[in-house]
Amino acid sequence: MAALGPLGPGSDPHAHDLCAQHAERLSVPAGWLVIRHEAMRS
């Protein structure tokens, strides 16, 4: 599973924050599920 949501409020090297362009292009391995936070849907 991969979950996408708003950027974190602070810097965390383990958060793996993505910009909007990269979040839109995200692909995951076969069998994985992508869950997008409602605020990120266009």
C-alpha atoms as a PDB file:
ATOM      1  CA  MET A   1       0.000   0.000   0.000  1.00  0.00           C
ATOM      2  CA  ALA A   2       1.135   3.544  -0.733  1.00  0.00           C
ATOM      3  CA  ALA A   3      -0.676   6.461   0.909  1.00  0.00           C
ATOM      4  CA  LEU A   4      -0.488  10.003  -0.506  1.00  0.00           C
ATOM      5  CA  GLY A   5      -1.535  13.021   1.503  1.00  0.00           C
ATOM      6  CA  PRO A   6      -0.622  16.658   2.083  1.00  0.00           C
ATOM      7  CA  LEU A   7       3.024  17.502   2.733  1.00  0.00           C
ATOM      8  CA  GLY A   8       4.152  17.110   6.304  1.00  0.00           C
ATOM      9  CA  PRO A   9       4.470  20.234   8.461  1.00  0.00           C
ATOM     10  CA  GLY A  10       8.151  19.614   9.189  1.00  0.00           C
ATOM     11  CA  SER A  11      11.215  18.151   7.583  1.00  0.00           C
ATOM     12  CA  ASP A  12      11.386  14.371   8.015  1.00  0.00           C
ATOM     13  CA  PRO A  13      13.886  12.376   5.935  1.00  0.00           C
ATOM     14  CA  HIS A  14      11.691   9.275   6.300  1.00  0.00           C
ATOM     15  CA  ALA A  15       8.480  10.941   5.054  1.00  0.00           C
ATOM     16  CA  HIS A  16       9.456  10.790   1.359  1.00  0.00           C
ATOM     17  CA  ASP A  17       7.379  13.883   0.507  1.00  0.00           C
ATOM     18  CA  LEU A  18       6.556  14.279  -3.194  1.00  0.00           C
ATOM     19  CA  CYS A  19       5.795  17.441  -5.141  1.00  0.00           C
ATOM     20  CA  ALA A  20       2.428  17.556  -6.962  1.00  0.00           C
ATOM     21  CA  GLN A  21       3.974  16.574 -10.316  1.00  0.00           C
ATOM     22  CA  HIS A  22       5.661  13.470  -8.920  1.00  0.00           C
ATOM     23  CA  ALA A  23       2.646  12.528  -6.776  1.00  0.00           C
ATOM     24  CA  GLU A  24       0.466  12.589  -9.903  1.00  0.00           C
ATOM     25  CA  ARG A  25       2.897  10.309 -11.773  1.00  0.00           C
ATOM     26  CA  LEU A  26       3.394   7.854  -8.907  1.00  0.00           C
ATOM     27  CA  SER A  27       3.190   4.200  -9.865  1.00  0.00           C
ATOM     28  CA  VAL A  28       3.401   1.273  -7.476  1.00  0.00           C
ATOM     29  CA  PRO A  29       4.283  -2.388  -7.923  1.00  0.00           C
ATOM     30  CA  ALA A  30       1.632  -4.809  -9.210  1.00  0.00           C
ATOM     31  CA  GLY A  31      -0.764  -5.774  -6.442  1.00  0.00           C
ATOM     32  CA  TRP A  32      -0.174  -2.613  -4.392  1.00  0.00           C
ATOM     33  CA  LEU A  33      -2.989  -0.183  -3.588  1.00  0.00           C
ATOM     34  CA  VAL A  34      -2.615   3.620  -3.811  1.00  0.00           C
ATOM     35  CA  ILE A  35      -4.688   5.610  -1.322  1.00  0.00           C
ATOM     36  CA  ARG A  36      -4.925   9.356  -2.030  1.00  0.00           C
ATOM     37  CA  HIS A  37      -6.012  11.872   0.595  1.00  0.00           C
ATOM     38  CA  GLU A  38      -9.277  13.536  -0.502  1.00  0.00           C
ATOM     39  CA  ALA A  39      -7.651  17.012  -0.570  1.00  0.00           C
ATOM     40  CA  MET A  40      -5.241  15.792  -3.276  1.00  0.00           C
ATOM     41  CA  ARG A  41      -7.922  14.702  -5.744  1.00  0.00           C
ATOM     42  CA  SER A  42      -8.497  16.999  -8.702  1.00  0.00           C
END
